[in-house]
Amino acid sequence: MRTLLKKTVDKVAKWGTKWSLWPPHLVTACCGVEFGHAFGSAYDAERFGMLPMGSLRQSNIIVIEGTITMKMAKFVKYVYEQMPEPKYVIAMGACAIKGGVFYGSYHMVPASKVVPVHQYVSGCPPTPEALLKAVKNLQDKIYAE
């Protein structure tokens, strides 16, 4: 009986997490425009359960939107550590993934070297559709865990 109840509660908790991914608005580069576009009326990311939050302690997903410099990496790590569990990261754009046009530069840091990345969105800049597909893939992973 206890295991059945635990499985049911876990399933409801995963469903709740899947449909309530709340990112803080952390714009580091030009991909922030596409992130904002994904929340506009044309794409409406809120119907997928994403609602931009102002508070780090209420957020459970970071969408790293572009370049991360060594100076910015400390702040991204700080934001990640402030978030409650479970927490997820999406790296958006070529700059966040490998450095993009700044590849090999002395001050660029790939997102995966700062925080664990769960989904990658390629492109320079990536389209809102690609971001929403990554969100959908992440939701499927959350529910399958």
N, C-alpha and C. Protein backbone atom coordinates (compact mmCIF):
# COMPACT_ATOMS: atom_id res chain seq x y z
N MET A 1 0.82 -1.20 0.00
CA MET A 1 0.00 0.00 0.00
C MET A 1 0.86 1.26 0.00
N ARG A 2 1.95 1.24 0.84
CA ARG A 2 2.83 2.41 0.91
C ARG A 2 3.51 2.68 -0.43
N THR A 3 3.98 1.62 -1.11
CA THR A 3 4.67 1.82 -2.37
C THR A 3 3.72 2.38 -3.44
N LEU A 4 2.49 1.95 -3.41
CA LEU A 4 1.49 2.47 -4.36
C LEU A 4 1.25 3.95 -4.10
N LEU A 5 1.14 4.31 -2.84
CA LEU A 5 0.94 5.72 -2.48
C LEU A 5 2.16 6.56 -2.86
N LYS A 6 3.36 6.02 -2.61
CA LYS A 6 4.59 6.74 -2.95
C LYS A 6 4.69 6.94 -4.46
N LYS A 7 4.37 5.92 -5.23
CA LYS A 7 4.41 6.03 -6.70
C LYS A 7 3.42 7.07 -7.19
N THR A 8 2.24 7.09 -6.59
CA THR A 8 1.22 8.06 -6.98
C THR A 8 1.66 9.49 -6.66
N VAL A 9 2.21 9.68 -5.48
CA VAL A 9 2.69 11.01 -5.07
C VAL A 9 3.85 11.44 -5.97
N ASP A 10 4.79 10.52 -6.26
CA ASP A 10 5.90 10.84 -7.16
C ASP A 10 5.42 11.23 -8.54
N LYS A 11 4.43 10.52 -9.03
CA LYS A 11 3.88 10.81 -10.36
C LYS A 11 3.23 12.20 -10.39
N VAL A 12 2.51 12.55 -9.36
CA VAL A 12 1.87 13.87 -9.28
C VAL A 12 2.93 14.96 -9.15
N ALA A 13 3.97 14.70 -8.37
CA ALA A 13 5.06 15.68 -8.20
C ALA A 13 5.79 15.91 -9.52
N LYS A 14 6.05 14.85 -10.27
CA LYS A 14 6.70 14.99 -11.58
C LYS A 14 5.81 15.75 -12.55
N TRP A 15 4.52 15.47 -12.52
CA TRP A 15 3.59 16.20 -13.37
C TRP A 15 3.60 17.69 -13.03
N GLY A 16 3.62 18.01 -11.74
CA GLY A 16 3.65 19.40 -11.31
C GLY A 16 4.94 20.10 -11.73
N THR A 17 6.07 19.40 -11.62
CA THR A 17 7.35 19.98 -12.04
C THR A 17 7.38 20.16 -13.54
N LYS A 18 6.85 19.19 -14.26
CA LYS A 18 6.84 19.26 -15.73
C LYS A 18 6.12 20.50 -16.24
N TRP A 19 5.03 20.86 -15.61
CA TRP A 19 4.22 21.97 -16.08
C TRP A 19 4.44 23.26 -15.31
N SER A 20 5.52 23.34 -14.55
CA SER A 20 5.83 24.59 -13.85
C SER A 20 7.34 24.86 -13.87
N LEU A 21 7.88 25.07 -15.05
CA LEU A 21 9.28 25.43 -15.22
C LEU A 21 9.36 26.96 -15.23
N TRP A 22 9.95 27.52 -14.20
CA TRP A 22 9.95 28.98 -14.04
C TRP A 22 11.38 29.51 -14.11
N PRO A 23 11.79 30.07 -15.26
CA PRO A 23 13.16 30.59 -15.38
C PRO A 23 13.27 32.04 -14.92
N PRO A 24 14.40 32.39 -14.26
CA PRO A 24 14.66 33.81 -14.04
C PRO A 24 15.12 34.42 -15.35
N HIS A 25 14.88 35.69 -15.53
CA HIS A 25 15.29 36.34 -16.77
C HIS A 25 16.75 36.73 -16.65
N LEU A 26 17.62 35.89 -17.17
CA LEU A 26 19.06 36.03 -17.06
C LEU A 26 19.64 36.19 -18.46
N VAL A 27 19.61 37.41 -19.00
CA VAL A 27 20.06 37.66 -20.36
C VAL A 27 21.55 37.97 -20.35
N THR A 28 22.32 37.18 -21.10
CA THR A 28 23.76 37.43 -21.20
C THR A 28 24.17 37.84 -22.60
N ALA A 29 23.31 37.70 -23.59
CA ALA A 29 23.69 38.06 -24.96
C ALA A 29 22.46 38.20 -25.84
N CYS A 30 22.69 38.18 -27.15
CA CYS A 30 21.63 38.46 -28.12
C CYS A 30 20.54 37.38 -28.15
N CYS A 31 20.77 36.21 -27.61
CA CYS A 31 19.74 35.17 -27.57
C CYS A 31 18.57 35.57 -26.67
N GLY A 32 18.78 36.57 -25.84
CA GLY A 32 17.71 37.05 -24.96
C GLY A 32 16.52 37.57 -25.74
N VAL A 33 16.78 38.11 -26.94
CA VAL A 33 15.69 38.59 -27.79
C VAL A 33 14.81 37.43 -28.23
N GLU A 34 15.45 36.32 -28.61
CA GLU A 34 14.69 35.14 -29.03
C GLU A 34 13.96 34.50 -27.85
N PHE A 35 14.58 34.55 -26.67
CA PHE A 35 13.93 34.06 -25.45
C PHE A 35 12.67 34.88 -25.19
N GLY A 36 12.78 36.19 -25.29
CA GLY A 36 11.61 37.06 -25.12
C GLY A 36 10.56 36.81 -26.18
N HIS A 37 11.00 36.54 -27.40
CA HIS A 37 10.07 36.26 -28.50
C HIS A 37 9.27 34.97 -28.22
N ALA A 38 9.93 33.99 -27.60
CA ALA A 38 9.24 32.74 -27.27
C ALA A 38 8.10 32.95 -26.29
N PHE A 39 8.18 34.02 -25.49
CA PHE A 39 7.12 34.31 -24.52
C PHE A 39 6.09 35.29 -25.07
N GLY A 40 6.30 35.75 -26.29
CA GLY A 40 5.34 36.67 -26.91
C GLY A 40 4.09 35.96 -27.38
N SER A 41 3.19 36.70 -27.96
CA SER A 41 1.90 36.14 -28.36
C SER A 41 2.00 35.13 -29.50
N ALA A 42 3.04 35.21 -30.32
CA ALA A 42 3.16 34.28 -31.44
C ALA A 42 3.48 32.86 -30.99
N TYR A 43 4.26 32.71 -29.93
CA TYR A 43 4.67 31.37 -29.48
C TYR A 43 4.12 31.00 -28.12
N ASP A 44 3.95 31.95 -27.24
CA ASP A 44 3.30 31.77 -25.94
C ASP A 44 3.85 30.57 -25.15
N ALA A 45 5.09 30.73 -24.68
CA ALA A 45 5.74 29.65 -23.91
C ALA A 45 5.01 29.34 -22.62
N GLU A 46 4.16 30.25 -22.15
CA GLU A 46 3.44 29.99 -20.90
C GLU A 46 2.47 28.82 -21.03
N ARG A 47 2.02 28.53 -22.23
CA ARG A 47 1.12 27.37 -22.38
C ARG A 47 1.86 26.06 -22.19
N PHE A 48 3.21 26.10 -22.23
CA PHE A 48 4.02 24.93 -21.94
C PHE A 48 4.45 24.89 -20.48
N GLY A 49 3.94 25.79 -19.68
CA GLY A 49 4.25 25.79 -18.26
C GLY A 49 5.45 26.63 -17.87
N MET A 50 6.00 27.41 -18.81
CA MET A 50 7.14 28.28 -18.49
C MET A 50 6.63 29.68 -18.17
N LEU A 51 7.00 30.16 -17.02
CA LEU A 51 6.60 31.49 -16.59
C LEU A 51 7.83 32.20 -16.05
N PRO A 52 8.30 33.28 -16.71
CA PRO A 52 9.49 33.97 -16.22
C PRO A 52 9.27 34.50 -14.80
N MET A 53 10.23 34.22 -13.94
CA MET A 53 10.14 34.64 -12.54
C MET A 53 11.22 35.66 -12.23
N GLY A 54 10.95 36.51 -11.27
CA GLY A 54 11.93 37.49 -10.86
C GLY A 54 12.80 37.00 -9.73
N SER A 55 12.36 36.00 -9.01
CA SER A 55 13.07 35.52 -7.83
C SER A 55 13.83 34.24 -8.14
N LEU A 56 15.09 34.19 -7.75
CA LEU A 56 15.91 33.00 -7.97
C LEU A 56 15.44 31.84 -7.12
N ARG A 57 14.96 32.13 -5.94
CA ARG A 57 14.57 31.07 -5.02
C ARG A 57 13.23 30.43 -5.37
N GLN A 58 12.53 30.98 -6.34
CA GLN A 58 11.28 30.38 -6.81
C GLN A 58 11.45 29.76 -8.19
N SER A 59 12.62 29.90 -8.78
CA SER A 59 12.88 29.38 -10.12
C SER A 59 13.43 27.97 -10.04
N ASN A 60 13.17 27.18 -11.08
CA ASN A 60 13.71 25.83 -11.09
C ASN A 60 14.41 25.49 -12.41
N ILE A 61 14.56 26.48 -13.29
CA ILE A 61 15.25 26.26 -14.56
C ILE A 61 15.98 27.55 -14.95
N ILE A 62 17.18 27.39 -15.46
CA ILE A 62 17.92 28.52 -16.02
C ILE A 62 18.03 28.28 -17.51
N VAL A 63 17.70 29.28 -18.29
CA VAL A 63 17.95 29.25 -19.72
C VAL A 63 19.13 30.20 -19.94
N ILE A 64 20.29 29.64 -20.19
CA ILE A 64 21.48 30.45 -20.43
C ILE A 64 21.41 30.92 -21.88
N GLU A 65 21.24 32.22 -22.03
CA GLU A 65 20.96 32.80 -23.34
C GLU A 65 22.20 33.45 -23.92
N GLY A 66 23.13 32.65 -24.41
CA GLY A 66 24.28 33.19 -25.10
C GLY A 66 25.56 33.13 -24.30
N THR A 67 26.41 34.12 -24.54
CA THR A 67 27.77 34.12 -24.03
C THR A 67 27.84 34.15 -22.51
N ILE A 68 28.84 33.43 -22.00
CA ILE A 68 29.17 33.50 -20.58
C ILE A 68 30.66 33.81 -20.51
N THR A 69 30.98 34.92 -19.93
CA THR A 69 32.38 35.27 -19.72
C THR A 69 32.83 34.72 -18.38
N MET A 70 34.13 34.76 -18.14
CA MET A 70 34.64 34.28 -16.85
C MET A 70 34.06 35.09 -15.70
N LYS A 71 33.88 36.38 -15.93
CA LYS A 71 33.31 37.23 -14.89
C LYS A 71 31.84 36.88 -14.63
N MET A 72 31.10 36.56 -15.69
CA MET A 72 29.69 36.22 -15.57
C MET A 72 29.48 34.81 -15.02
N ALA A 73 30.45 33.92 -15.22
CA ALA A 73 30.31 32.53 -14.79
C ALA A 73 30.07 32.42 -13.29
N LYS A 74 30.71 33.26 -12.51
CA LYS A 74 30.51 33.24 -11.05
C LYS A 74 29.05 33.54 -10.71
N PHE A 75 28.46 34.51 -11.41
CA PHE A 75 27.08 34.87 -11.16
C PHE A 75 26.12 33.76 -11.57
N VAL A 76 26.39 33.13 -12.73
CA VAL A 76 25.54 32.01 -13.18
C VAL A 76 25.59 30.87 -12.17
N LYS A 77 26.76 30.56 -11.67
CA LYS A 77 26.91 29.51 -10.65
C LYS A 77 26.16 29.89 -9.37
N TYR A 78 26.24 31.15 -8.98
CA TYR A 78 25.54 31.65 -7.80
C TYR A 78 24.03 31.51 -7.98
N VAL A 79 23.52 31.89 -9.14
CA VAL A 79 22.09 31.76 -9.43
C VAL A 79 21.67 30.30 -9.36
N TYR A 80 22.47 29.42 -9.95
CA TYR A 80 22.16 27.99 -9.95
C TYR A 80 22.11 27.43 -8.53
N GLU A 81 23.04 27.85 -7.69
CA GLU A 81 23.08 27.35 -6.32
C GLU A 81 21.93 27.87 -5.47
N GLN A 82 21.34 29.00 -5.82
CA GLN A 82 20.22 29.57 -5.09
C GLN A 82 18.89 28.87 -5.40
N MET A 83 18.84 28.17 -6.51
CA MET A 83 17.58 27.54 -6.94
C MET A 83 17.27 26.29 -6.12
N PRO A 84 15.98 26.03 -5.87
CA PRO A 84 15.61 24.81 -5.15
C PRO A 84 15.67 23.58 -6.06
N GLU A 85 15.74 22.43 -5.48
CA GLU A 85 15.71 21.17 -6.23
C GLU A 85 14.28 20.84 -6.61
N PRO A 86 14.01 20.16 -7.69
CA PRO A 86 14.91 19.84 -8.78
C PRO A 86 15.16 21.07 -9.64
N LYS A 87 16.37 21.18 -10.20
CA LYS A 87 16.72 22.33 -11.02
C LYS A 87 17.31 21.86 -12.34
N TYR A 88 17.05 22.64 -13.37
CA TYR A 88 17.42 22.26 -14.73
C TYR A 88 18.08 23.44 -15.44
N VAL A 89 18.87 23.13 -16.47
CA VAL A 89 19.57 24.16 -17.24
C VAL A 89 19.40 23.87 -18.73
N ILE A 90 19.07 24.91 -19.50
CA ILE A 90 19.05 24.84 -20.95
C ILE A 90 20.09 25.84 -21.45
N ALA A 91 21.03 25.38 -22.27
CA ALA A 91 22.02 26.26 -22.90
C ALA A 91 21.50 26.63 -24.28
N MET A 92 21.30 27.92 -24.49
CA MET A 92 20.66 28.40 -25.71
C MET A 92 21.65 29.19 -26.55
N GLY A 93 21.90 28.75 -27.77
CA GLY A 93 22.76 29.47 -28.69
C GLY A 93 24.16 28.88 -28.78
N ALA A 94 24.81 29.17 -29.89
CA ALA A 94 26.15 28.66 -30.14
C ALA A 94 27.15 29.17 -29.11
N CYS A 95 26.97 30.38 -28.63
CA CYS A 95 27.90 30.95 -27.64
C CYS A 95 27.83 30.19 -26.32
N ALA A 96 26.65 29.83 -25.88
CA ALA A 96 26.50 29.10 -24.62
C ALA A 96 27.02 27.66 -24.74
N ILE A 97 26.93 27.11 -25.93
CA ILE A 97 27.33 25.72 -26.12
C ILE A 97 28.85 25.58 -26.24
N LYS A 98 29.46 26.34 -27.15
CA LYS A 98 30.90 26.19 -27.40
C LYS A 98 31.64 27.51 -27.54
N GLY A 99 30.98 28.63 -27.41
CA GLY A 99 31.67 29.91 -27.56
C GLY A 99 31.26 30.67 -28.80
N GLY A 100 30.59 30.01 -29.75
CA GLY A 100 30.09 30.67 -30.95
C GLY A 100 31.18 31.42 -31.70
N VAL A 101 30.92 32.67 -32.08
CA VAL A 101 31.89 33.47 -32.82
C VAL A 101 33.09 33.82 -31.96
N PHE A 102 32.98 33.65 -30.65
CA PHE A 102 34.06 33.95 -29.73
C PHE A 102 34.86 32.70 -29.36
N TYR A 103 34.68 31.59 -30.10
CA TYR A 103 35.33 30.33 -29.79
C TYR A 103 36.85 30.51 -29.70
N GLY A 104 37.44 30.01 -28.66
CA GLY A 104 38.88 30.10 -28.48
C GLY A 104 39.32 31.39 -27.81
N SER A 105 38.39 32.25 -27.48
CA SER A 105 38.72 33.50 -26.82
C SER A 105 39.12 33.23 -25.38
N TYR A 106 39.98 34.06 -24.84
CA TYR A 106 40.51 33.82 -23.50
C TYR A 106 39.49 34.00 -22.39
N HIS A 107 38.40 34.70 -22.64
CA HIS A 107 37.46 35.01 -21.56
C HIS A 107 36.13 34.27 -21.66
N MET A 108 35.94 33.41 -22.66
CA MET A 108 34.67 32.70 -22.84
C MET A 108 34.67 31.36 -22.10
N VAL A 109 33.51 31.03 -21.54
CA VAL A 109 33.35 29.78 -20.81
C VAL A 109 32.10 29.09 -21.34
N PRO A 110 32.19 27.83 -21.81
CA PRO A 110 30.98 27.10 -22.19
C PRO A 110 30.10 26.85 -20.95
N ALA A 111 28.81 26.85 -21.14
CA ALA A 111 27.86 26.68 -20.03
C ALA A 111 28.09 25.37 -19.28
N SER A 112 28.46 24.32 -20.00
CA SER A 112 28.64 23.01 -19.36
C SER A 112 29.82 22.98 -18.39
N LYS A 113 30.72 23.95 -18.47
CA LYS A 113 31.84 24.01 -17.52
C LYS A 113 31.47 24.78 -16.26
N VAL A 114 30.32 25.44 -16.28
CA VAL A 114 29.88 26.22 -15.12
C VAL A 114 28.80 25.48 -14.34
N VAL A 115 27.79 24.99 -15.04
CA VAL A 115 26.66 24.27 -14.42
C VAL A 115 26.33 23.06 -15.28
N PRO A 116 25.68 22.04 -14.73
CA PRO A 116 25.27 20.89 -15.56
C PRO A 116 24.14 21.28 -16.49
N VAL A 117 24.30 20.99 -17.76
CA VAL A 117 23.31 21.37 -18.78
C VAL A 117 22.45 20.16 -19.13
N HIS A 118 21.13 20.33 -19.15
CA HIS A 118 20.20 19.24 -19.45
C HIS A 118 19.74 19.24 -20.90
N GLN A 119 19.67 20.40 -21.53
CA GLN A 119 19.25 20.51 -22.94
C GLN A 119 20.08 21.58 -23.62
N TYR A 120 20.37 21.35 -24.90
CA TYR A 120 21.09 22.32 -25.71
C TYR A 120 20.17 22.78 -26.84
N VAL A 121 20.22 24.08 -27.15
CA VAL A 121 19.46 24.65 -28.27
C VAL A 121 20.47 25.29 -29.19
N SER A 122 20.70 24.67 -30.34
CA SER A 122 21.72 25.19 -31.25
C SER A 122 21.17 26.31 -32.12
N GLY A 123 22.08 27.07 -32.70
CA GLY A 123 21.72 28.16 -33.59
C GLY A 123 22.37 29.45 -33.15
N CYS A 124 22.41 30.39 -34.06
CA CYS A 124 23.00 31.69 -33.75
C CYS A 124 22.21 32.78 -34.46
N PRO A 125 21.19 33.34 -33.86
CA PRO A 125 20.56 32.91 -32.63
C PRO A 125 19.55 31.79 -32.91
N PRO A 126 19.27 30.97 -31.94
CA PRO A 126 18.28 29.91 -32.14
C PRO A 126 16.88 30.49 -32.25
N THR A 127 16.01 29.78 -32.89
CA THR A 127 14.64 30.24 -33.07
C THR A 127 13.82 29.94 -31.82
N PRO A 128 12.71 30.66 -31.64
CA PRO A 128 11.82 30.34 -30.51
C PRO A 128 11.28 28.91 -30.59
N GLU A 129 11.07 28.42 -31.81
CA GLU A 129 10.59 27.04 -31.96
C GLU A 129 11.59 26.04 -31.39
N ALA A 130 12.88 26.30 -31.62
CA ALA A 130 13.93 25.41 -31.11
C ALA A 130 13.95 25.43 -29.58
N LEU A 131 13.76 26.60 -29.00
CA LEU A 131 13.71 26.70 -27.53
C LEU A 131 12.52 25.93 -26.99
N LEU A 132 11.37 26.08 -27.61
CA LEU A 132 10.18 25.38 -27.14
C LEU A 132 10.31 23.87 -27.31
N LYS A 133 11.02 23.43 -28.35
CA LYS A 133 11.26 22.00 -28.53
C LYS A 133 12.17 21.48 -27.41
N ALA A 134 13.18 22.25 -27.04
CA ALA A 134 14.06 21.85 -25.93
C ALA A 134 13.28 21.78 -24.63
N VAL A 135 12.37 22.72 -24.42
CA VAL A 135 11.52 22.69 -23.22
C VAL A 135 10.66 21.44 -23.22
N LYS A 136 10.09 21.11 -24.35
CA LYS A 136 9.24 19.91 -24.46
C LYS A 136 10.07 18.65 -24.19
N ASN A 137 11.29 18.60 -24.75
CA ASN A 137 12.17 17.44 -24.49
C ASN A 137 12.53 17.34 -23.01
N LEU A 138 12.80 18.47 -22.38
CA LEU A 138 13.11 18.47 -20.95
C LEU A 138 11.90 18.01 -20.14
N GLN A 139 10.71 18.46 -20.52
CA GLN A 139 9.51 18.01 -19.82
C GLN A 139 9.32 16.51 -19.95
N ASP A 140 9.60 15.97 -21.12
CA ASP A 140 9.49 14.52 -21.30
C ASP A 140 10.50 13.78 -20.42
N LYS A 141 11.71 14.33 -20.30
CA LYS A 141 12.73 13.70 -19.43
C LYS A 141 12.30 13.75 -17.97
N ILE A 142 11.73 14.89 -17.56
CA ILE A 142 11.29 15.03 -16.17
C ILE A 142 10.23 13.99 -15.84
N TYR A 143 9.28 13.82 -16.71
CA TYR A 143 8.18 12.90 -16.44
C TYR A 143 8.62 11.43 -16.55
N ALA A 144 9.66 11.16 -17.35
CA ALA A 144 10.13 9.78 -17.53
C ALA A 144 11.05 9.33 -16.38
N GLU A 145 11.61 10.27 -15.62
CA GLU A 145 12.54 9.90 -14.54
C GLU A 145 11.89 9.04 -13.50
